[in-house]
Amino acid sequence: MTSASPDGPRRPVVLGVDALDTGLMTATWAADEADHRGLPLRLVHAVPSLFSEFRAFDHGRYHKALRERGDQALDRAAAAARERHPGLELVTAVDEDLPALVLYRESAHAELIVLGSRRLSRAQEVLNAFSVTVPVGAQSHCPVVVVRGPEHVTQAPPYVVVGVDGSPSSAAAVDFAFRLADERRAALRVLWVWQRPPIGNLDEATAEQTFRELLFESTAGRHERYPDVAVTHELVHGHPVEELGAAAEHALAVVVGRRGQGGFTGMRLGSVPHGLLHHAYCPVVIVPAPRH
């Protein structure tokens, strides 16, 4: 097994490897993205430390078993990635700590974090010390992709969905979505979802016109960089999670910005990204606001 430092001239795509999940679909998605971007793929598995496990009895054999199981999971994921892209630069690493903390540290040096999903309930996400999607999605320095389901490639043309709301993280999500659509030769659906009643003193017609203008402004300047990406703008009424989830039913991915920097429990991930982790059945991309 090869190991390498995440520091280097190119920031890798980092795949979080879960020993309890074969994760072959997740591994191939990460390999595809690393190949598209011309970046190395770094496969990382976390083994809880002896102290955090509180297993005073027999923890030597238990810890060894965890390491062996992690190595096997890394080998499976690496084999899937190499089969997909034989020339891909690939390294694997094992770190000892809680998985969310390991991946959070990795995110400081990564272009992208890619995770699978155990499809935990909301309560399990908060109470399970080994849950990673919510805490990493809430705190990661770089975008996080949670591969909850396969890309839907039966649509012609394939498409990516991005949700916008005028925030800095929304603008970053638009940049990511354009690049993803360009890489995958897909169309891009840009959605602004708003709920009645209108905000402030605006009547409904004025509010709708204002949101429509902001919707089109959200993609300004990207067409020159991505001339081959066909873009549609959609202003819809309803609940953002429900509308984005419905729009992404046959999508390659749905991309949203992340609001807030809450505690490491991830409770301030944001209602829309959090909701999509439970309702979308394609990869969900969570993009933080740009760092200054």
C-alpha atoms as a PDB file:
ATOM      1  CA  MET A   1       0.000   0.000   0.000  1.00  0.00           C
ATOM      2  CA  THR A   2       1.346   3.391  -1.033  1.00  0.00           C
ATOM      3  CA  SER A   3       1.144   6.471   1.140  1.00  0.00           C
ATOM      4  CA  ALA A   4       1.831  10.088   0.306  1.00  0.00           C
ATOM      5  CA  SER A   5       1.554  13.533   1.822  1.00  0.00           C
ATOM      6  CA  PRO A   6      -1.465  15.564   0.669  1.00  0.00           C
ATOM      7  CA  ASP A   7       0.805  18.580   0.213  1.00  0.00           C
ATOM      8  CA  GLY A   8       2.128  18.978  -3.312  1.00  0.00           C
ATOM      9  CA  PRO A   9       1.921  20.964  -6.522  1.00  0.00           C
ATOM     10  CA  ARG A  10      -1.581  19.642  -7.277  1.00  0.00           C
ATOM     11  CA  ARG A  11      -4.430  19.375  -4.807  1.00  0.00           C
ATOM     12  CA  PRO A  12      -5.849  15.842  -5.055  1.00  0.00           C
ATOM     13  CA  VAL A  13      -9.380  14.564  -5.224  1.00  0.00           C
ATOM     14  CA  VAL A  14      -9.772  12.793  -1.862  1.00  0.00           C
ATOM     15  CA  LEU A  15     -11.996   9.742  -1.540  1.00  0.00           C
ATOM     16  CA  GLY A  16     -13.123   8.769   1.950  1.00  0.00           C
ATOM     17  CA  VAL A  17     -13.127   4.950   2.035  1.00  0.00           C
ATOM     18  CA  ASP A  18     -15.567   3.248   4.403  1.00  0.00           C
ATOM     19  CA  ALA A  19     -14.726  -0.315   5.464  1.00  0.00           C
ATOM     20  CA  LEU A  20     -18.429  -1.099   5.967  1.00  0.00           C
ATOM     21  CA  ASP A  21     -19.352  -0.187   2.406  1.00  0.00           C
ATOM     22  CA  THR A  22     -17.843  -1.580  -0.786  1.00  0.00           C
ATOM     23  CA  GLY A  23     -18.185   1.914  -2.243  1.00  0.00           C
ATOM     24  CA  LEU A  24     -17.342   0.898  -5.808  1.00  0.00           C
ATOM     25  CA  MET A  25     -19.815   3.400  -7.269  1.00  0.00           C
ATOM     26  CA  THR A  26     -18.261   6.133  -5.125  1.00  0.00           C
ATOM     27  CA  ALA A  27     -14.741   5.085  -6.103  1.00  0.00           C
ATOM     28  CA  THR A  28     -15.520   5.210  -9.807  1.00  0.00           C
ATOM     29  CA  TRP A  29     -17.161   8.650  -9.456  1.00  0.00           C
ATOM     30  CA  ALA A  30     -14.071   9.979  -7.676  1.00  0.00           C
ATOM     31  CA  ALA A  31     -11.786   8.405 -10.272  1.00  0.00           C
ATOM     32  CA  ASP A  32     -13.782   9.949 -13.106  1.00  0.00           C
ATOM     33  CA  GLU A  33     -13.565  13.390 -11.531  1.00  0.00           C
ATOM     34  CA  ALA A  34      -9.832  13.116 -10.860  1.00  0.00           C
ATOM     35  CA  ASP A  35      -9.308  12.030 -14.461  1.00  0.00           C
ATOM     36  CA  HIS A  36     -11.419  14.893 -15.841  1.00  0.00           C
ATOM     37  CA  ARG A  37      -9.442  17.407 -13.785  1.00  0.00           C
ATOM     38  CA  GLY A  38      -6.033  15.847 -14.404  1.00  0.00           C
ATOM     39  CA  LEU A  39      -5.485  15.453 -10.650  1.00  0.00           C
ATOM     40  CA  PRO A  40      -4.221  12.606  -8.462  1.00  0.00           C
ATOM     41  CA  LEU A  41      -6.722  10.539  -6.513  1.00  0.00           C
ATOM     42  CA  ARG A  42      -5.998  10.097  -2.808  1.00  0.00           C
ATOM     43  CA  LEU A  43      -7.869   7.298  -1.028  1.00  0.00           C
ATOM     44  CA  VAL A  44      -8.108   7.783   2.735  1.00  0.00           C
ATOM     45  CA  HIS A  45      -9.390   5.444   5.431  1.00  0.00           C
ATOM     46  CA  ALA A  46      -9.724   6.366   9.122  1.00  0.00           C
ATOM     47  CA  VAL A  47      -9.126   3.913  11.949  1.00  0.00           C
ATOM     48  CA  PRO A  48     -10.346   5.130  15.360  1.00  0.00           C
ATOM     49  CA  SER A  49      -7.539   5.449  17.856  1.00  0.00           C
ATOM     50  CA  LEU A  50      -7.276   3.051  20.785  1.00  0.00           C
ATOM     51  CA  PHE A  51      -8.089   5.814  23.228  1.00  0.00           C
ATOM     52  CA  SER A  52     -11.267   6.906  21.477  1.00  0.00           C
ATOM     53  CA  GLU A  53     -12.493   3.313  21.255  1.00  0.00           C
ATOM     54  CA  PHE A  54     -12.214   2.799  25.059  1.00  0.00           C
ATOM     55  CA  ARG A  55     -11.413  -0.889  24.587  1.00  0.00           C
ATOM     56  CA  ALA A  56      -9.022  -1.550  27.424  1.00  0.00           C
ATOM     57  CA  PHE A  57      -9.387  -5.297  26.876  1.00  0.00           C
ATOM     58  CA  ASP A  58      -7.804  -6.949  23.874  1.00  0.00           C
ATOM     59  CA  HIS A  59      -7.492  -3.647  22.000  1.00  0.00           C
ATOM     60  CA  GLY A  60      -4.285  -4.746  20.332  1.00  0.00           C
ATOM     61  CA  ARG A  61      -5.985  -7.483  18.307  1.00  0.00           C
ATOM     62  CA  TYR A  62      -9.089  -5.356  17.792  1.00  0.00           C
ATOM     63  CA  HIS A  63      -7.049  -2.459  16.443  1.00  0.00           C
ATOM     64  CA  LYS A  64      -5.104  -4.782  14.159  1.00  0.00           C
ATOM     65  CA  ALA A  65      -8.365  -6.166  12.786  1.00  0.00           C
ATOM     66  CA  LEU A  66      -9.611  -2.642  12.077  1.00  0.00           C
ATOM     67  CA  ARG A  67      -6.395  -1.835  10.210  1.00  0.00           C
ATOM     68  CA  GLU A  68      -6.644  -5.015   8.139  1.00  0.00           C
ATOM     69  CA  ARG A  69     -10.262  -4.340   7.269  1.00  0.00           C
ATOM     70  CA  GLY A  70      -9.357  -0.784   6.265  1.00  0.00           C
ATOM     71  CA  ASP A  71      -6.491  -1.991   4.077  1.00  0.00           C
ATOM     72  CA  GLN A  72      -8.860  -4.405   2.323  1.00  0.00           C
ATOM     73  CA  ALA A  73     -11.377  -1.626   1.697  1.00  0.00           C
ATOM     74  CA  LEU A  74      -8.648   0.608   0.284  1.00  0.00           C
ATOM     75  CA  ASP A  75      -7.444  -2.178  -1.983  1.00  0.00           C
ATOM     76  CA  ARG A  76     -10.977  -2.721  -3.340  1.00  0.00           C
ATOM     77  CA  ALA A  77     -11.505   0.983  -3.977  1.00  0.00           C
ATOM     78  CA  ALA A  78      -8.070   1.363  -5.577  1.00  0.00           C
ATOM     79  CA  ALA A  79      -8.718  -1.609  -7.863  1.00  0.00           C
ATOM     80  CA  ALA A  80     -12.037  -0.105  -8.994  1.00  0.00           C
ATOM     81  CA  ALA A  81     -10.393   3.264  -9.684  1.00  0.00           C
ATOM     82  CA  ARG A  82      -7.487   1.706 -11.605  1.00  0.00           C
ATOM     83  CA  GLU A  83      -9.842  -0.447 -13.669  1.00  0.00           C
ATOM     84  CA  ARG A  84     -11.773   2.695 -14.583  1.00  0.00           C
ATOM     85  CA  HIS A  85      -8.682   4.796 -15.374  1.00  0.00           C
ATOM     86  CA  PRO A  86      -5.518   2.664 -15.601  1.00  0.00           C
ATOM     87  CA  GLY A  87      -3.189   5.667 -15.924  1.00  0.00           C
ATOM     88  CA  LEU A  88      -4.605   7.593 -12.977  1.00  0.00           C
ATOM     89  CA  GLU A  89      -2.096   8.760 -10.347  1.00  0.00           C
ATOM     90  CA  LEU A  90      -3.320   7.157  -7.132  1.00  0.00           C
ATOM     91  CA  VAL A  91      -2.161   6.941  -3.532  1.00  0.00           C
ATOM     92  CA  THR A  92      -3.742   5.447  -0.393  1.00  0.00           C
ATOM     93  CA  ALA A  93      -3.382   6.369   3.256  1.00  0.00           C
ATOM     94  CA  VAL A  94      -4.621   5.295   6.676  1.00  0.00           C
ATOM     95  CA  ASP A  95      -4.988   7.812   9.509  1.00  0.00           C
ATOM     96  CA  GLU A  96      -5.902   7.173  13.146  1.00  0.00           C
ATOM     97  CA  ASP A  97      -8.739   9.345  14.393  1.00  0.00           C
ATOM     98  CA  LEU A  98     -12.481   9.735  14.022  1.00  0.00           C
ATOM     99  CA  PRO A  99     -13.370   9.636  10.308  1.00  0.00           C
ATOM    100  CA  ALA A 100     -14.929  13.116  10.212  1.00  0.00           C
ATOM    101  CA  LEU A 101     -11.836  14.687  11.792  1.00  0.00           C
ATOM    102  CA  VAL A 102      -9.497  12.874   9.405  1.00  0.00           C
ATOM    103  CA  LEU A 103     -11.463  14.031   6.357  1.00  0.00           C
ATOM    104  CA  TYR A 104     -11.767  17.568   7.687  1.00  0.00           C
ATOM    105  CA  ARG A 105      -7.967  17.767   7.904  1.00  0.00           C
ATOM    106  CA  GLU A 106      -7.656  16.284   4.433  1.00  0.00           C
ATOM    107  CA  SER A 107     -10.002  18.944   3.042  1.00  0.00           C
ATOM    108  CA  ALA A 108      -7.478  21.694   3.795  1.00  0.00           C
ATOM    109  CA  HIS A 109      -5.211  20.241   1.088  1.00  0.00           C
ATOM    110  CA  ALA A 110      -7.822  18.805  -1.290  1.00  0.00           C
ATOM    111  CA  GLU A 111      -9.527  19.998  -4.434  1.00  0.00           C
ATOM    112  CA  LEU A 112     -12.574  17.922  -3.600  1.00  0.00           C
ATOM    113  CA  ILE A 113     -13.763  15.394  -0.986  1.00  0.00           C
ATOM    114  CA  VAL A 114     -15.846  12.465  -2.257  1.00  0.00           C
ATOM    115  CA  LEU A 115     -17.914  10.372   0.160  1.00  0.00           C
ATOM    116  CA  GLY A 116     -20.353   7.511   0.002  1.00  0.00           C
ATOM    117  CA  SER A 117     -23.528   7.399   2.060  1.00  0.00           C
ATOM    118  CA  ARG A 118     -24.746   4.906   4.657  1.00  0.00           C
ATOM    119  CA  ARG A 119     -28.213   6.503   4.351  1.00  0.00           C
ATOM    120  CA  LEU A 120     -28.416   7.220   8.067  1.00  0.00           C
ATOM    121  CA  SER A 121     -31.426   8.934   9.599  1.00  0.00           C
ATOM    122  CA  ARG A 122     -31.062  12.509  10.841  1.00  0.00           C
ATOM    123  CA  ALA A 123     -30.807  11.298  14.447  1.00  0.00           C
ATOM    124  CA  GLN A 124     -28.155   8.725  13.517  1.00  0.00           C
ATOM    125  CA  GLU A 125     -26.126  11.399  11.735  1.00  0.00           C
ATOM    126  CA  VAL A 126     -25.939  13.463  14.924  1.00  0.00           C
ATOM    127  CA  LEU A 127     -25.474  10.634  17.429  1.00  0.00           C
ATOM    128  CA  ASN A 128     -23.178   8.315  15.466  1.00  0.00           C
ATOM    129  CA  ALA A 129     -19.525   9.175  16.062  1.00  0.00           C
ATOM    130  CA  PHE A 130     -18.610   7.578  12.736  1.00  0.00           C
ATOM    131  CA  SER A 131     -21.022   9.625  10.616  1.00  0.00           C
ATOM    132  CA  VAL A 132     -19.111  11.759   8.118  1.00  0.00           C
ATOM    133  CA  THR A 133     -21.430  13.284   5.511  1.00  0.00           C
ATOM    134  CA  VAL A 134     -22.993  15.998   7.691  1.00  0.00           C
ATOM    135  CA  PRO A 135     -19.965  17.059   9.788  1.00  0.00           C
ATOM    136  CA  VAL A 136     -17.594  16.998   6.814  1.00  0.00           C
ATOM    137  CA  GLY A 137     -20.126  18.700   4.564  1.00  0.00           C
ATOM    138  CA  ALA A 138     -20.567  21.398   7.213  1.00  0.00           C
ATOM    139  CA  GLN A 139     -16.893  22.093   7.873  1.00  0.00           C
ATOM    140  CA  SER A 140     -14.871  21.076   4.822  1.00  0.00           C
ATOM    141  CA  HIS A 141     -12.515  23.659   3.339  1.00  0.00           C
ATOM    142  CA  CYS A 142     -13.314  22.392  -0.168  1.00  0.00           C
ATOM    143  CA  PRO A 143     -16.444  21.132  -1.955  1.00  0.00           C
ATOM    144  CA  VAL A 144     -17.841  17.791  -0.787  1.00  0.00           C
ATOM    145  CA  VAL A 145     -19.568  15.294  -3.067  1.00  0.00           C
ATOM    146  CA  VAL A 146     -21.836  12.710  -1.437  1.00  0.00           C
ATOM    147  CA  VAL A 147     -22.541   9.908  -3.903  1.00  0.00           C
ATOM    148  CA  ARG A 148     -25.955   8.750  -2.682  1.00  0.00           C
ATOM    149  CA  GLY A 149     -26.923   7.278  -6.036  1.00  0.00           C
ATOM    150  CA  PRO A 150     -25.571   6.863  -9.543  1.00  0.00           C
ATOM    151  CA  GLU A 151     -25.326   9.565 -12.158  1.00  0.00           C
ATOM    152  CA  HIS A 152     -28.373   9.382 -14.411  1.00  0.00           C
ATOM    153  CA  VAL A 153     -26.902   9.099 -17.880  1.00  0.00           C
ATOM    154  CA  THR A 154     -30.073   8.015 -19.697  1.00  0.00           C
ATOM    155  CA  GLN A 155     -31.256  11.596 -20.230  1.00  0.00           C
ATOM    156  CA  ALA A 156     -30.479  13.183 -23.595  1.00  0.00           C
ATOM    157  CA  PRO A 157     -28.743  15.458 -23.055  1.00  0.00           C
ATOM    158  CA  PRO A 158     -27.498  14.670 -19.534  1.00  0.00           C
ATOM    159  CA  TYR A 159     -27.806  17.586 -17.150  1.00  0.00           C
ATOM    160  CA  VAL A 160     -26.576  19.027 -13.860  1.00  0.00           C
ATOM    161  CA  VAL A 161     -28.804  20.985 -11.443  1.00  0.00           C
ATOM    162  CA  VAL A 162     -27.577  23.916  -9.342  1.00  0.00           C
ATOM    163  CA  GLY A 163     -29.580  25.831  -6.749  1.00  0.00           C
ATOM    164  CA  VAL A 164     -28.940  29.587  -6.437  1.00  0.00           C
ATOM    165  CA  ASP A 165     -29.994  32.252  -3.946  1.00  0.00           C
ATOM    166  CA  GLY A 166     -27.582  35.145  -4.465  1.00  0.00           C
ATOM    167  CA  SER A 167     -25.210  34.206  -1.616  1.00  0.00           C
ATOM    168  CA  PRO A 168     -21.392  33.880  -1.937  1.00  0.00           C
ATOM    169  CA  SER A 169     -21.650  30.109  -1.490  1.00  0.00           C
ATOM    170  CA  SER A 170     -24.300  30.067  -4.216  1.00  0.00           C
ATOM    171  CA  ALA A 171     -21.901  31.815  -6.596  1.00  0.00           C
ATOM    172  CA  ALA A 172     -19.227  29.225  -5.776  1.00  0.00           C
ATOM    173  CA  ALA A 173     -21.775  26.473  -6.428  1.00  0.00           C
ATOM    174  CA  VAL A 174     -22.512  27.962  -9.852  1.00  0.00           C
ATOM    175  CA  ASP A 175     -18.799  27.925 -10.721  1.00  0.00           C
ATOM    176  CA  PHE A 176     -18.538  24.273  -9.674  1.00  0.00           C
ATOM    177  CA  ALA A 177     -21.698  23.311 -11.569  1.00  0.00           C
ATOM    178  CA  PHE A 178     -20.528  24.949 -14.805  1.00  0.00           C
ATOM    179  CA  ARG A 179     -17.222  23.114 -14.625  1.00  0.00           C
ATOM    180  CA  LEU A 180     -18.901  19.795 -13.847  1.00  0.00           C
ATOM    181  CA  ALA A 181     -21.376  20.226 -16.717  1.00  0.00           C
ATOM    182  CA  ASP A 182     -18.559  21.148 -19.095  1.00  0.00           C
ATOM    183  CA  GLU A 183     -16.492  18.103 -18.055  1.00  0.00           C
ATOM    184  CA  ARG A 184     -19.441  15.757 -18.477  1.00  0.00           C
ATOM    185  CA  ARG A 185     -20.713  17.414 -21.695  1.00  0.00           C
ATOM    186  CA  ALA A 186     -23.990  18.098 -19.941  1.00  0.00           C
ATOM    187  CA  ALA A 187     -26.569  20.855 -19.860  1.00  0.00           C
ATOM    188  CA  LEU A 188     -27.042  22.984 -16.746  1.00  0.00           C
ATOM    189  CA  ARG A 189     -30.361  23.760 -15.055  1.00  0.00           C
ATOM    190  CA  VAL A 190     -30.127  26.780 -12.745  1.00  0.00           C
ATOM    191  CA  LEU A 191     -32.959  26.951 -10.192  1.00  0.00           C
ATOM    192  CA  TRP A 192     -33.998  29.736  -7.849  1.00  0.00           C
ATOM    193  CA  VAL A 193     -36.688  28.425  -5.485  1.00  0.00           C
ATOM    194  CA  TRP A 194     -38.721  30.879  -3.453  1.00  0.00           C
ATOM    195  CA  GLN A 195     -41.610  30.521  -1.074  1.00  0.00           C
ATOM    196  CA  ARG A 196     -44.562  32.806  -0.534  1.00  0.00           C
ATOM    197  CA  PRO A 197     -45.155  35.260   1.026  1.00  0.00           C
ATOM    198  CA  PRO A 198     -42.653  37.683  -0.518  1.00  0.00           C
ATOM    199  CA  ILE A 199     -39.948  39.125   1.701  1.00  0.00           C
ATOM    200  CA  GLY A 200     -40.368  42.664   3.073  1.00  0.00           C
ATOM    201  CA  ASN A 201     -42.802  45.112   1.508  1.00  0.00           C
ATOM    202  CA  LEU A 202     -42.576  43.766  -2.059  1.00  0.00           C
ATOM    203  CA  ASP A 203     -45.782  42.579  -3.671  1.00  0.00           C
ATOM    204  CA  GLU A 204     -45.669  39.162  -5.286  1.00  0.00           C
ATOM    205  CA  ALA A 205     -45.258  40.371  -8.865  1.00  0.00           C
ATOM    206  CA  THR A 206     -42.390  42.704  -7.958  1.00  0.00           C
ATOM    207  CA  ALA A 207     -40.728  40.021  -5.857  1.00  0.00           C
ATOM    208  CA  GLU A 208     -40.937  37.519  -8.701  1.00  0.00           C
ATOM    209  CA  GLN A 209     -39.424  39.986 -11.164  1.00  0.00           C
ATOM    210  CA  THR A 210     -36.623  40.791  -8.704  1.00  0.00           C
ATOM    211  CA  PHE A 211     -35.819  37.122  -8.157  1.00  0.00           C
ATOM    212  CA  ARG A 212     -35.898  36.471 -11.905  1.00  0.00           C
ATOM    213  CA  GLU A 213     -33.331  39.215 -12.496  1.00  0.00           C
ATOM    214  CA  LEU A 214     -31.112  37.830  -9.731  1.00  0.00           C
ATOM    215  CA  LEU A 215     -31.492  34.351 -11.201  1.00  0.00           C
ATOM    216  CA  PHE A 216     -30.075  35.453 -14.556  1.00  0.00           C
ATOM    217  CA  GLU A 217     -27.377  37.535 -12.869  1.00  0.00           C
ATOM    218  CA  SER A 218     -26.224  34.427 -10.981  1.00  0.00           C
ATOM    219  CA  THR A 219     -24.657  32.976 -14.134  1.00  0.00           C
ATOM    220  CA  ALA A 220     -23.244  36.211 -15.561  1.00  0.00           C
ATOM    221  CA  GLY A 221     -19.708  35.893 -16.913  1.00  0.00           C
ATOM    222  CA  ARG A 222     -19.675  32.081 -17.065  1.00  0.00           C
ATOM    223  CA  HIS A 223     -20.853  31.666 -20.666  1.00  0.00           C
ATOM    224  CA  GLU A 224     -17.564  32.981 -22.032  1.00  0.00           C
ATOM    225  CA  ARG A 225     -15.609  30.386 -20.075  1.00  0.00           C
ATOM    226  CA  TYR A 226     -18.003  27.531 -20.831  1.00  0.00           C
ATOM    227  CA  PRO A 227     -19.494  28.260 -24.254  1.00  0.00           C
ATOM    228  CA  ASP A 228     -20.505  24.624 -24.830  1.00  0.00           C
ATOM    229  CA  VAL A 229     -22.719  24.389 -21.730  1.00  0.00           C
ATOM    230  CA  ALA A 230     -26.397  24.900 -22.546  1.00  0.00           C
ATOM    231  CA  VAL A 231     -28.050  26.746 -19.642  1.00  0.00           C
ATOM    232  CA  THR A 232     -31.684  27.061 -18.604  1.00  0.00           C
ATOM    233  CA  HIS A 233     -32.880  29.391 -15.840  1.00  0.00           C
ATOM    234  CA  GLU A 234     -35.903  28.361 -13.770  1.00  0.00           C
ATOM    235  CA  LEU A 235     -37.708  30.383 -11.112  1.00  0.00           C
ATOM    236  CA  VAL A 236     -40.022  28.082  -9.187  1.00  0.00           C
ATOM    237  CA  HIS A 237     -42.306  28.332  -6.166  1.00  0.00           C
ATOM    238  CA  GLY A 238     -42.135  25.734  -3.422  1.00  0.00           C
ATOM    239  CA  HIS A 239     -39.836  24.195  -0.854  1.00  0.00           C
ATOM    240  CA  PRO A 240     -36.181  24.304  -1.989  1.00  0.00           C
ATOM    241  CA  VAL A 241     -35.389  20.717  -0.990  1.00  0.00           C
ATOM    242  CA  GLU A 242     -38.473  19.314  -2.703  1.00  0.00           C
ATOM    243  CA  GLU A 243     -38.058  21.373  -5.877  1.00  0.00           C
ATOM    244  CA  LEU A 244     -34.319  20.772  -6.231  1.00  0.00           C
ATOM    245  CA  GLY A 245     -34.779  17.094  -5.472  1.00  0.00           C
ATOM    246  CA  ALA A 246     -37.493  16.804  -8.120  1.00  0.00           C
ATOM    247  CA  ALA A 247     -35.404  18.694 -10.694  1.00  0.00           C
ATOM    248  CA  ALA A 248     -32.448  16.398  -9.985  1.00  0.00           C
ATOM    249  CA  GLU A 249     -34.437  13.168 -10.312  1.00  0.00           C
ATOM    250  CA  HIS A 250     -32.649  12.314 -13.570  1.00  0.00           C
ATOM    251  CA  ALA A 251     -29.562  14.510 -13.103  1.00  0.00           C
ATOM    252  CA  LEU A 252     -25.873  13.725 -13.098  1.00  0.00           C
ATOM    253  CA  ALA A 253     -25.626  15.709  -9.850  1.00  0.00           C
ATOM    254  CA  VAL A 254     -27.253  18.482  -7.843  1.00  0.00           C
ATOM    255  CA  VAL A 255     -25.004  21.302  -6.613  1.00  0.00           C
ATOM    256  CA  VAL A 256     -25.776  23.694  -3.731  1.00  0.00           C
ATOM    257  CA  GLY A 257     -23.885  26.189  -1.607  1.00  0.00           C
ATOM    258  CA  ARG A 258     -23.262  25.773   2.096  1.00  0.00           C
ATOM    259  CA  ARG A 259     -24.213  28.374   4.663  1.00  0.00           C
ATOM    260  CA  GLY A 260     -22.681  28.897   8.083  1.00  0.00           C
ATOM    261  CA  GLN A 261     -19.758  27.443   9.993  1.00  0.00           C
ATOM    262  CA  GLY A 262     -21.443  25.670  12.874  1.00  0.00           C
ATOM    263  CA  GLY A 263     -20.011  23.356  15.487  1.00  0.00           C
ATOM    264  CA  PHE A 264     -18.447  20.117  14.355  1.00  0.00           C
ATOM    265  CA  THR A 265     -21.715  18.261  14.825  1.00  0.00           C
ATOM    266  CA  GLY A 266     -22.638  19.816  11.486  1.00  0.00           C
ATOM    267  CA  MET A 267     -25.947  21.165  12.733  1.00  0.00           C
ATOM    268  CA  ARG A 268     -25.373  24.335  10.690  1.00  0.00           C
ATOM    269  CA  LEU A 269     -24.788  22.545   7.437  1.00  0.00           C
ATOM    270  CA  GLY A 270     -27.870  24.335   6.115  1.00  0.00           C
ATOM    271  CA  SER A 271     -31.385  23.055   5.663  1.00  0.00           C
ATOM    272  CA  VAL A 272     -31.187  22.689   1.882  1.00  0.00           C
ATOM    273  CA  PRO A 273     -27.915  20.698   1.617  1.00  0.00           C
ATOM    274  CA  HIS A 274     -28.939  18.626   4.634  1.00  0.00           C
ATOM    275  CA  GLY A 275     -32.353  17.933   3.158  1.00  0.00           C
ATOM    276  CA  LEU A 276     -30.918  16.919  -0.200  1.00  0.00           C
ATOM    277  CA  LEU A 277     -28.704  14.357   1.527  1.00  0.00           C
ATOM    278  CA  HIS A 278     -31.965  12.572   2.383  1.00  0.00           C
ATOM    279  CA  HIS A 279     -34.084  13.297  -0.686  1.00  0.00           C
ATOM    280  CA  ALA A 280     -31.799  13.352  -3.734  1.00  0.00           C
ATOM    281  CA  TYR A 281     -30.862  10.092  -5.404  1.00  0.00           C
ATOM    282  CA  CYS A 282     -27.980  11.384  -7.474  1.00  0.00           C
ATOM    283  CA  PRO A 283     -24.616  12.726  -6.240  1.00  0.00           C
ATOM    284  CA  VAL A 284     -25.055  15.826  -4.036  1.00  0.00           C
ATOM    285  CA  VAL A 285     -22.330  18.490  -4.174  1.00  0.00           C
ATOM    286  CA  ILE A 286     -21.982  20.879  -1.201  1.00  0.00           C
ATOM    287  CA  VAL A 287     -19.846  23.936  -1.961  1.00  0.00           C
ATOM    288  CA  PRO A 288     -18.537  26.299   0.756  1.00  0.00           C
ATOM    289  CA  ALA A 289     -18.293  30.030   0.294  1.00  0.00           C
ATOM    290  CA  PRO A 290     -14.933  31.161  -1.117  1.00  0.00           C
ATOM    291  CA  ARG A 291     -12.158  31.585   1.442  1.00  0.00           C
ATOM    292  CA  HIS A 292     -10.721  35.104   1.693  1.00  0.00           C
END
